[in-house]
N, C-alpha and C. Protein backbone atom coordinates (compact mmCIF):
# COMPACT_ATOMS: atom_id res chain seq x y z
N MET A 1 103.06 101.53 103.75
CA MET A 1 101.85 100.26 102.72
C MET A 1 103.03 99.64 101.84
N PRO A 2 102.86 98.41 101.95
CA PRO A 2 103.49 97.02 101.68
C PRO A 2 103.30 97.27 99.89
N LEU A 3 105.28 96.88 100.07
CA LEU A 3 105.50 96.49 98.36
C LEU A 3 104.56 95.25 97.88
N PHE A 4 104.26 95.14 96.69
CA PHE A 4 103.37 94.06 95.73
C PHE A 4 104.41 93.07 94.85
N SER A 5 104.87 92.22 94.79
CA SER A 5 105.33 91.55 93.47
C SER A 5 104.50 90.29 93.01
N PHE A 6 104.22 91.05 92.18
CA PHE A 6 103.22 90.14 90.89
C PHE A 6 103.64 89.04 90.17
N ASN A 7 104.08 87.72 90.60
CA ASN A 7 105.15 87.06 89.79
C ASN A 7 104.31 85.65 89.51
N ARG A 8 103.53 85.60 90.41
CA ARG A 8 102.75 84.06 90.48
C ARG A 8 101.27 84.28 90.28
N PRO A 9 100.08 83.71 89.43
CA PRO A 9 98.71 83.78 89.95
C PRO A 9 98.48 84.14 90.86
N ALA A 10 98.77 83.36 92.30
CA ALA A 10 98.43 83.48 93.22
C ALA A 10 98.43 85.18 94.22
N ASP A 11 99.72 85.54 93.32
CA ASP A 11 100.00 87.07 93.77
C ASP A 11 98.52 87.86 93.24
N TYR A 12 97.98 87.64 92.15
CA TYR A 12 97.05 88.28 91.51
C TYR A 12 95.84 88.01 92.38
N LEU A 13 95.94 86.26 92.97
CA LEU A 13 94.64 85.93 93.54
C LEU A 13 94.47 86.82 94.60
N ASP A 14 95.72 86.70 95.48
CA ASP A 14 95.29 87.45 96.57
C ASP A 14 95.17 89.30 96.60
N ALA A 15 96.00 89.53 95.46
CA ALA A 15 95.43 91.41 95.72
C ALA A 15 93.76 91.29 95.16
N ALA A 16 93.28 90.10 94.69
CA ALA A 16 92.15 90.28 93.74
C ALA A 16 90.83 90.49 95.32
N ARG A 17 91.23 89.32 96.17
CA ARG A 17 90.55 89.21 97.29
C ARG A 17 90.86 90.43 98.17
N GLU A 18 91.78 91.17 98.27
CA GLU A 18 92.13 92.20 99.31
C GLU A 18 91.13 93.34 98.50
N MET A 19 90.94 93.29 97.24
CA MET A 19 90.51 94.16 96.68
C MET A 19 88.48 93.63 96.65
N ALA A 20 88.48 92.69 97.10
CA ALA A 20 87.02 92.04 96.97
C ALA A 20 86.61 92.62 98.54
N ASP A 21 87.68 92.24 99.48
CA ASP A 21 87.46 92.77 101.11
C ASP A 21 87.06 94.31 100.99
N ALA A 22 88.16 95.07 100.49
CA ALA A 22 87.77 96.70 100.52
C ALA A 22 86.44 97.12 99.53
N ASP A 23 85.81 96.07 98.96
CA ASP A 23 84.80 96.69 98.71
C ASP A 23 84.76 97.21 97.16
N ARG A 24 86.06 96.89 96.44
CA ARG A 24 86.65 97.21 94.73
C ARG A 24 86.37 96.19 93.85
N PRO A 25 84.94 95.81 93.86
CA PRO A 25 84.69 94.81 92.89
C PRO A 25 85.28 94.89 91.20
N THR A 26 85.59 95.87 91.04
CA THR A 26 86.00 95.95 89.53
C THR A 26 87.47 95.65 89.29
N MET A 27 87.90 96.29 90.50
CA MET A 27 89.54 96.05 90.39
C MET A 27 89.89 94.69 90.94
N ALA A 28 88.65 93.70 91.79
CA ALA A 28 88.92 92.28 92.12
C ALA A 28 88.56 91.81 90.68
N ARG A 29 87.76 92.09 89.99
CA ARG A 29 87.38 91.20 88.70
C ARG A 29 88.78 91.34 87.92
N LEU A 30 89.32 92.28 87.75
CA LEU A 30 90.57 92.38 86.68
C LEU A 30 91.89 91.74 87.14
N LEU A 31 92.17 91.81 88.64
CA LEU A 31 92.87 90.83 88.88
C LEU A 31 92.69 89.36 88.89
N ALA A 32 91.47 89.23 89.07
CA ALA A 32 90.92 87.56 89.13
C ALA A 32 91.42 87.17 87.71
N GLU A 33 91.00 88.17 86.53
CA GLU A 33 91.54 87.37 85.16
C GLU A 33 92.64 87.99 84.86
N GLU A 34 93.48 88.26 85.67
CA GLU A 34 94.83 88.45 85.88
C GLU A 34 95.32 87.02 85.66
N ALA A 35 95.04 86.58 86.98
CA ALA A 35 95.14 85.28 87.62
C ALA A 35 95.07 84.40 86.75
N ALA A 36 93.62 84.28 86.46
CA ALA A 36 93.10 83.24 85.15
C ALA A 36 93.71 83.03 84.51
N GLY A 37 94.31 84.11 83.62
CA GLY A 37 94.53 84.26 82.56
C GLY A 37 96.32 83.73 82.86
N ARG A 38 97.04 83.76 83.64
CA ARG A 38 98.38 83.10 84.18
C ARG A 38 98.38 81.80 84.87
N THR A 39 97.12 81.08 84.99
CA THR A 39 96.95 80.03 85.32
C THR A 39 97.15 78.72 84.05
N SER A 40 98.13 77.31 84.20
CA SER A 40 97.81 76.93 83.16
C SER A 40 96.48 75.64 83.19
N ASP A 41 96.16 75.13 84.14
CA ASP A 41 95.15 74.67 84.43
C ASP A 41 93.54 75.56 84.54
N PRO A 42 93.01 74.67 83.24
CA PRO A 42 91.85 75.37 82.73
C PRO A 42 90.71 75.51 83.76
N GLU A 43 90.98 74.25 84.43
CA GLU A 43 89.85 74.24 85.48
C GLU A 43 90.09 74.97 86.78
N ALA A 44 91.32 75.44 86.93
CA ALA A 44 91.70 76.25 88.15
C ALA A 44 91.54 77.54 87.64
N ALA A 45 91.68 77.98 86.02
CA ALA A 45 91.18 79.24 85.73
C ALA A 45 89.43 79.58 85.66
N ALA A 46 89.00 78.79 85.35
CA ALA A 46 87.30 78.49 86.15
C ALA A 46 87.00 78.85 87.12
N ARG A 47 87.29 78.25 88.22
CA ARG A 47 87.38 78.38 89.32
C ARG A 47 87.54 80.01 90.04
N ILE A 48 88.65 80.53 89.37
CA ILE A 48 89.10 81.91 90.15
C ILE A 48 88.21 82.49 89.89
N LEU A 49 87.89 82.82 88.22
CA LEU A 49 86.92 83.31 88.06
C LEU A 49 85.56 83.34 88.38
N ALA A 50 85.22 82.01 89.10
CA ALA A 50 83.70 81.74 89.24
C ALA A 50 84.16 82.92 91.07
N GLU A 51 84.81 82.87 91.44
CA GLU A 51 84.91 83.17 92.70
C GLU A 51 84.49 84.88 92.98
N PHE A 52 84.83 85.19 91.45
CA PHE A 52 84.61 86.77 91.46
C PHE A 52 83.52 87.06 89.87
N PRO A 53 82.23 86.45 89.85
CA PRO A 53 81.54 86.43 88.88
C PRO A 53 81.04 88.05 88.09
N GLY A 54 81.13 88.13 87.16
CA GLY A 54 80.81 89.41 86.01
C GLY A 54 81.20 89.26 84.79
N HIS A 55 81.05 89.92 84.25
CA HIS A 55 81.78 90.52 82.79
C HIS A 55 83.30 90.51 82.54
N SER A 56 82.96 90.22 81.74
CA SER A 56 85.37 90.50 81.44
C SER A 56 85.00 92.07 81.38
N LEU A 57 86.04 92.63 82.05
CA LEU A 57 86.33 93.59 82.02
C LEU A 57 87.59 94.24 81.18
N ARG A 58 88.50 92.97 80.59
CA ARG A 58 89.60 93.37 79.95
C ARG A 58 89.38 93.76 78.36
N GLN A 59 90.38 94.47 78.19
CA GLN A 59 89.92 95.62 76.70
C GLN A 59 91.39 94.68 76.25
N GLU A 60 91.24 94.20 74.87
CA GLU A 60 92.36 93.48 74.24
C GLU A 60 92.35 94.66 73.25
N GLY A 61 93.77 94.35 72.38
CA GLY A 61 94.03 95.17 71.73
C GLY A 61 95.07 95.66 71.48
């Protein structure tokens, strides 16, 4: 099992795609939301979230 290091938005996005491929859409969406949140470009963040449609699953607070 590979070890993952999440230092960049791309790391979260790669993991989100792996979860989507593994038919784990909820986990994919959470990882995509984290990637989008760590992206400084609002347009890029919007593209990330569009790739993984759905309602926000994050719990704030």
